[in-house]
C-alpha atoms as a PDB file:
ATOM      1  CA  UNK A   1      -7.955   7.541 -29.187  1.00  0.00           C
ATOM      2  CA  UNK A   2      -6.125   8.949 -26.196  1.00  0.00           C
ATOM      3  CA  UNK A   3      -6.773   8.259 -22.353  1.00  0.00           C
ATOM      4  CA  UNK A   4      -7.803  11.054 -20.085  1.00  0.00           C
ATOM      5  CA  UNK A   5      -5.114  12.324 -17.750  1.00  0.00           C
ATOM      6  CA  UNK A   6      -5.991  12.575 -14.019  1.00  0.00           C
ATOM      7  CA  UNK A   7      -6.302  15.938 -13.972  1.00  0.00           C
ATOM      8  CA  UNK A   8      -9.053  15.908 -16.784  1.00  0.00           C
ATOM      9  CA  UNK A   9     -10.809  13.338 -14.640  1.00  0.00           C
ATOM     10  CA  UNK A  10     -10.894  15.252 -11.293  1.00  0.00           C
ATOM     11  CA  UNK A  11     -11.841  18.109 -13.382  1.00  0.00           C
ATOM     12  CA  UNK A  12     -15.077  16.602 -14.476  1.00  0.00           C
ATOM     13  CA  UNK A  13     -15.183  14.736 -11.400  1.00  0.00           C
ATOM     14  CA  UNK A  14     -15.271  18.487 -10.301  1.00  0.00           C
ATOM     15  CA  UNK A  15     -18.298  18.631 -12.135  1.00  0.00           C
ATOM     16  CA  UNK A  16     -20.048  16.131 -10.885  1.00  0.00           C
ATOM     17  CA  UNK A  17     -19.312  13.145 -13.187  1.00  0.00           C
ATOM     18  CA  UNK A  18     -19.500   9.769 -11.587  1.00  0.00           C
ATOM     19  CA  UNK A  19     -18.165   8.041 -14.609  1.00  0.00           C
ATOM     20  CA  UNK A  20     -14.893   9.822 -14.362  1.00  0.00           C
ATOM     21  CA  UNK A  21     -14.950   9.292 -10.991  1.00  0.00           C
ATOM     22  CA  UNK A  22     -15.075   5.689 -11.538  1.00  0.00           C
ATOM     23  CA  UNK A  23     -12.389   5.858 -14.134  1.00  0.00           C
ATOM     24  CA  UNK A  24     -10.131   6.935 -11.227  1.00  0.00           C
ATOM     25  CA  UNK A  25     -11.307   4.512  -8.912  1.00  0.00           C
ATOM     26  CA  UNK A  26     -10.379   1.834 -10.993  1.00  0.00           C
ATOM     27  CA  UNK A  27      -7.170   3.704 -11.916  1.00  0.00           C
ATOM     28  CA  UNK A  28      -5.998   3.789  -8.131  1.00  0.00           C
ATOM     29  CA  UNK A  29      -8.301   1.224  -5.837  1.00  0.00           C
ATOM     30  CA  UNK A  30      -5.375  -1.388  -6.003  1.00  0.00           C
ATOM     31  CA  UNK A  31      -2.467   0.995  -5.966  1.00  0.00           C
ATOM     32  CA  UNK A  32      -4.474   2.350  -2.634  1.00  0.00           C
ATOM     33  CA  UNK A  33      -4.802  -0.911  -1.110  1.00  0.00           C
ATOM     34  CA  UNK A  34      -1.178  -1.811  -1.534  1.00  0.00           C
ATOM     35  CA  UNK A  35      -0.530   1.701   0.340  1.00  0.00           C
ATOM     36  CA  UNK A  36      -2.267   0.756   3.040  1.00  0.00           C
ATOM     37  CA  UNK A  37      -1.228  -2.758   3.080  1.00  0.00           C
ATOM     38  CA  UNK A  38       2.306  -1.695   3.309  1.00  0.00           C
ATOM     39  CA  UNK A  39       1.073  -0.112   6.436  1.00  0.00           C
ATOM     40  CA  UNK A  40       0.502  -3.646   7.919  1.00  0.00           C
ATOM     41  CA  UNK A  41      -3.123  -3.388   8.273  1.00  0.00           C
ATOM     42  CA  UNK A  42      -5.413  -6.539   7.656  1.00  0.00           C
ATOM     43  CA  UNK A  43      -6.743  -6.791   3.931  1.00  0.00           C
ATOM     44  CA  UNK A  44     -10.256  -6.141   4.665  1.00  0.00           C
ATOM     45  CA  UNK A  45      -8.743  -2.783   6.667  1.00  0.00           C
ATOM     46  CA  UNK A  46      -6.899  -2.322   3.772  1.00  0.00           C
ATOM     47  CA  UNK A  47     -10.036  -2.529   1.290  1.00  0.00           C
ATOM     48  CA  UNK A  48     -11.992  -0.253   3.859  1.00  0.00           C
ATOM     49  CA  UNK A  49      -9.370   2.812   3.828  1.00  0.00           C
ATOM     50  CA  UNK A  50      -9.184   2.390   0.282  1.00  0.00           C
ATOM     51  CA  UNK A  51     -12.976   2.989  -0.081  1.00  0.00           C
ATOM     52  CA  UNK A  52     -12.708   5.348   3.131  1.00  0.00           C
ATOM     53  CA  UNK A  53     -10.062   7.264   1.028  1.00  0.00           C
ATOM     54  CA  UNK A  54     -12.099   7.507  -2.080  1.00  0.00           C
ATOM     55  CA  UNK A  55     -15.756   8.975  -0.461  1.00  0.00           C
ATOM     56  CA  UNK A  56     -13.009  11.694   1.127  1.00  0.00           C
ATOM     57  CA  UNK A  57     -11.490  12.353  -2.536  1.00  0.00           C
ATOM     58  CA  UNK A  58     -15.458  12.440  -3.618  1.00  0.00           C
ATOM     59  CA  UNK A  59     -15.833  15.066  -0.853  1.00  0.00           C
ATOM     60  CA  UNK A  60     -12.681  17.259  -1.398  1.00  0.00           C
ATOM     61  CA  UNK A  61     -12.890  16.883  -5.198  1.00  0.00           C
ATOM     62  CA  UNK A  62     -13.909  20.568  -5.991  1.00  0.00           C
ATOM     63  CA  UNK A  63     -10.105  21.760  -3.864  1.00  0.00           C
ATOM     64  CA  UNK A  64      -8.128  19.737  -6.372  1.00  0.00           C
ATOM     65  CA  UNK A  65      -6.457  22.383  -8.588  1.00  0.00           C
ATOM     66  CA  UNK A  66      -3.833  20.522 -10.919  1.00  0.00           C
ATOM     67  CA  UNK A  67      -1.583  23.178 -11.077  1.00  0.00           C
ATOM     68  CA  UNK A  68      -0.613  22.946  -7.440  1.00  0.00           C
ATOM     69  CA  UNK A  69      -0.269  19.252  -7.264  1.00  0.00           C
ATOM     70  CA  UNK A  70       0.106  16.050  -9.472  1.00  0.00           C
ATOM     71  CA  UNK A  71      -3.436  13.941  -8.691  1.00  0.00           C
ATOM     72  CA  UNK A  72      -1.443  11.091  -6.695  1.00  0.00           C
ATOM     73  CA  UNK A  73       0.292  13.677  -4.554  1.00  0.00           C
ATOM     74  CA  UNK A  74      -3.502  14.976  -3.499  1.00  0.00           C
ATOM     75  CA  UNK A  75      -4.938  11.421  -3.687  1.00  0.00           C
ATOM     76  CA  UNK A  76      -2.043   9.937  -0.834  1.00  0.00           C
ATOM     77  CA  UNK A  77      -2.550  13.040   1.270  1.00  0.00           C
ATOM     78  CA  UNK A  78      -5.800  11.908   1.733  1.00  0.00           C
ATOM     79  CA  UNK A  79      -4.973   8.570   1.863  1.00  0.00           C
ATOM     80  CA  UNK A  80      -1.885   9.147   4.674  1.00  0.00           C
ATOM     81  CA  UNK A  81      -4.829  11.202   6.927  1.00  0.00           C
ATOM     82  CA  UNK A  82      -7.093   8.158   6.542  1.00  0.00           C
ATOM     83  CA  UNK A  83      -4.357   6.194   7.754  1.00  0.00           C
ATOM     84  CA  UNK A  84      -3.623   8.637  10.652  1.00  0.00           C
ATOM     85  CA  UNK A  85      -7.179   8.321  11.701  1.00  0.00           C
ATOM     86  CA  UNK A  86      -7.221   4.717  11.476  1.00  0.00           C
ATOM     87  CA  UNK A  87      -4.512   4.455  13.597  1.00  0.00           C
ATOM     88  CA  UNK A  88      -5.480   6.817  15.821  1.00  0.00           C
ATOM     89  CA  UNK A  89      -9.168   5.162  16.660  1.00  0.00           C
ATOM     90  CA  UNK A  90      -7.259   1.346  16.536  1.00  0.00           C
ATOM     91  CA  UNK A  91      -4.965   2.970  19.401  1.00  0.00           C
ATOM     92  CA  UNK A  92      -7.618   4.043  21.497  1.00  0.00           C
ATOM     93  CA  UNK A  93     -10.174   1.154  20.788  1.00  0.00           C
ATOM     94  CA  UNK A  94      -7.154  -0.906  21.863  1.00  0.00           C
ATOM     95  CA  UNK A  95      -6.563   0.604  24.903  1.00  0.00           C
ATOM     96  CA  UNK A  96      -9.855   0.611  25.886  1.00  0.00           C
ATOM     97  CA  UNK A  97     -10.524  -2.812  25.423  1.00  0.00           C
ATOM     98  CA  UNK A  98      -6.933  -3.292  27.272  1.00  0.00           C
ATOM     99  CA  UNK A  99      -8.302  -1.474  30.142  1.00  0.00           C
ATOM    100  CA  UNK A 100     -11.609  -3.874  30.303  1.00  0.00           C
ATOM    101  CA  UNK A 101     -10.027  -6.926  30.062  1.00  0.00           C
ATOM    102  CA  UNK A 102      -7.131  -5.395  33.172  1.00  0.00           C
ATOM    103  CA  UNK A 103     -10.849  -5.152  34.994  1.00  0.00           C
ATOM    104  CA  UNK A 104     -11.717  -8.279  34.312  1.00  0.00           C
ATOM    105  CA  UNK A 105      -8.363  -9.377  35.220  1.00  0.00           C
ATOM    106  CA  UNK A 106      -8.323  -8.009  39.017  1.00  0.00           C
ATOM    107  CA  UNK A 107     -12.225  -9.132  39.118  1.00  0.00           C
ATOM    108  CA  UNK A 108     -10.768 -12.958  38.412  1.00  0.00           C
ATOM    109  CA  UNK A 109     -11.006 -15.008  41.734  1.00  0.00           C
ATOM    110  CA  UNK A 110      -7.435 -15.145  43.198  1.00  0.00           C
ATOM    111  CA  UNK A 111      -6.991 -18.688  43.299  1.00  0.00           C
ATOM    112  CA  UNK A 112      -5.346 -19.921  40.324  1.00  0.00           C
ATOM    113  CA  UNK A 113      -8.228 -18.030  37.804  1.00  0.00           C
ATOM    114  CA  UNK A 114      -4.961 -17.102  35.207  1.00  0.00           C
ATOM    115  CA  UNK A 115      -7.892 -15.562  32.870  1.00  0.00           C
ATOM    116  CA  UNK A 116      -9.995 -12.166  33.280  1.00  0.00           C
ATOM    117  CA  UNK A 117     -13.582 -13.049  33.982  1.00  0.00           C
ATOM    118  CA  UNK A 118     -15.897 -12.193  31.599  1.00  0.00           C
ATOM    119  CA  UNK A 119     -18.659 -13.307  33.632  1.00  0.00           C
ATOM    120  CA  UNK A 120     -17.670 -10.803  36.392  1.00  0.00           C
ATOM    121  CA  UNK A 121     -17.333  -8.333  33.271  1.00  0.00           C
ATOM    122  CA  UNK A 122     -20.989  -9.000  32.147  1.00  0.00           C
ATOM    123  CA  UNK A 123     -22.238  -8.351  35.706  1.00  0.00           C
ATOM    124  CA  UNK A 124     -20.544  -5.053  36.315  1.00  0.00           C
ATOM    125  CA  UNK A 125     -21.547  -4.183  32.572  1.00  0.00           C
ATOM    126  CA  UNK A 126     -25.180  -5.168  33.595  1.00  0.00           C
ATOM    127  CA  UNK A 127     -24.677  -2.955  36.337  1.00  0.00           C
ATOM    128  CA  UNK A 128     -24.362   0.318  34.328  1.00  0.00           C
ATOM    129  CA  UNK A 129     -26.801   2.488  33.146  1.00  0.00           C
ATOM    130  CA  UNK A 130     -28.248   1.887  29.984  1.00  0.00           C
ATOM    131  CA  UNK A 131     -26.663   5.143  28.398  1.00  0.00           C
ATOM    132  CA  UNK A 132     -22.974   4.169  29.752  1.00  0.00           C
ATOM    133  CA  UNK A 133     -23.353   0.407  28.544  1.00  0.00           C
ATOM    134  CA  UNK A 134     -24.572   1.325  25.139  1.00  0.00           C
ATOM    135  CA  UNK A 135     -21.551   4.080  24.884  1.00  0.00           C
ATOM    136  CA  UNK A 136     -18.930   0.966  25.977  1.00  0.00           C
ATOM    137  CA  UNK A 137     -21.203  -1.494  23.946  1.00  0.00           C
ATOM    138  CA  UNK A 138     -20.464   0.874  20.489  1.00  0.00           C
ATOM    139  CA  UNK A 139     -16.920   2.230  20.783  1.00  0.00           C
ATOM    140  CA  UNK A 140     -15.433  -1.033  22.585  1.00  0.00           C
ATOM    141  CA  UNK A 141     -17.022  -3.801  21.676  1.00  0.00           C
ATOM    142  CA  UNK A 142     -18.462  -2.956  18.199  1.00  0.00           C
ATOM    143  CA  UNK A 143     -15.076  -0.837  17.730  1.00  0.00           C
ATOM    144  CA  UNK A 144     -17.236   2.496  16.833  1.00  0.00           C
ATOM    145  CA  UNK A 145     -15.916   5.135  16.064  1.00  0.00           C
ATOM    146  CA  UNK A 146     -16.388   7.922  18.892  1.00  0.00           C
ATOM    147  CA  UNK A 147     -18.572  10.049  15.782  1.00  0.00           C
ATOM    148  CA  UNK A 148     -19.955   7.163  14.590  1.00  0.00           C
ATOM    149  CA  UNK A 149     -21.201   5.949  17.765  1.00  0.00           C
ATOM    150  CA  UNK A 150     -22.259   9.880  18.495  1.00  0.00           C
ATOM    151  CA  UNK A 151     -24.477   9.496  15.535  1.00  0.00           C
ATOM    152  CA  UNK A 152     -26.016   6.076  16.247  1.00  0.00           C
ATOM    153  CA  UNK A 153     -27.268   6.626  20.081  1.00  0.00           C
ATOM    154  CA  UNK A 154     -28.119  10.731  19.030  1.00  0.00           C
ATOM    155  CA  UNK A 155     -25.391  12.703  21.216  1.00  0.00           C
ATOM    156  CA  UNK A 156     -22.482  15.104  20.523  1.00  0.00           C
ATOM    157  CA  UNK A 157     -19.308  13.365  20.539  1.00  0.00           C
ATOM    158  CA  UNK A 158     -18.235  14.686  23.856  1.00  0.00           C
ATOM    159  CA  UNK A 159     -20.761  13.648  25.186  1.00  0.00           C
ATOM    160  CA  UNK A 160     -19.624   9.934  24.092  1.00  0.00           C
ATOM    161  CA  UNK A 161     -16.097  10.473  25.374  1.00  0.00           C
ATOM    162  CA  UNK A 162     -17.928  11.583  28.693  1.00  0.00           C
ATOM    163  CA  UNK A 163     -19.718   8.359  28.659  1.00  0.00           C
ATOM    164  CA  UNK A 164     -17.102   6.087  28.230  1.00  0.00           C
ATOM    165  CA  UNK A 165     -14.920   7.505  30.802  1.00  0.00           C
ATOM    166  CA  UNK A 166     -17.515   7.723  33.433  1.00  0.00           C
ATOM    167  CA  UNK A 167     -18.122   3.734  32.161  1.00  0.00           C
ATOM    168  CA  UNK A 168     -15.048   2.687  32.695  1.00  0.00           C
ATOM    169  CA  UNK A 169     -14.909   4.479  36.164  1.00  0.00           C
ATOM    170  CA  UNK A 170     -18.203   2.868  37.130  1.00  0.00           C
ATOM    171  CA  UNK A 171     -17.054  -0.907  35.783  1.00  0.00           C
ATOM    172  CA  UNK A 172     -13.468  -0.026  37.950  1.00  0.00           C
ATOM    173  CA  UNK A 173     -15.666   0.460  41.147  1.00  0.00           C
ATOM    174  CA  UNK A 174     -18.130  -2.779  40.612  1.00  0.00           C
ATOM    175  CA  UNK A 175     -15.601  -4.751  39.461  1.00  0.00           C
ATOM    176  CA  UNK A 176     -13.129  -3.695  42.249  1.00  0.00           C
ATOM    177  CA  UNK A 177     -16.608  -3.926  44.851  1.00  0.00           C
ATOM    178  CA  UNK A 178     -17.188  -7.536  43.143  1.00  0.00           C
ATOM    179  CA  UNK A 179     -13.952  -8.803  44.228  1.00  0.00           C
ATOM    180  CA  UNK A 180     -14.069  -7.394  47.818  1.00  0.00           C
ATOM    181  CA  UNK A 181     -11.137  -4.314  47.315  1.00  0.00           C
END
């Protein structure tokens, strides 16, 4: 019995065959995981990125044309885009966390306190409006992408970005005022 080629499986998947798609997942799940692990992500993030790549592959399954590119080329183009998206979000999240930690450090008492004051940040967060506080909680502390936070909050992407900007601005004011600046 001849095993179906990747291109044949994709053609079947394009017609809605979940069985053919499952075979592609079986064939490439470890390959994708290793691809992501070599880009210095954690095992859990690698698994998540592989799963997201397969979801993207399912969404774009009708766009794959066997004569234009090998299946693996198509798959790794999708994987690369997932990787780019992941590192973009990760970079933004780290910058936001660093900004909040910096604000907390500014708010820490001057007399020998080496670390940031979590209590000062908690008090400042408590003084934010619920809409700003919810945006910070989802995007910064829950590590949620802006678009996903927008869906949870029921607001557009731009509104989430605006709320994060305004929340950070307000936190700077509150933490500066608390310290007496």
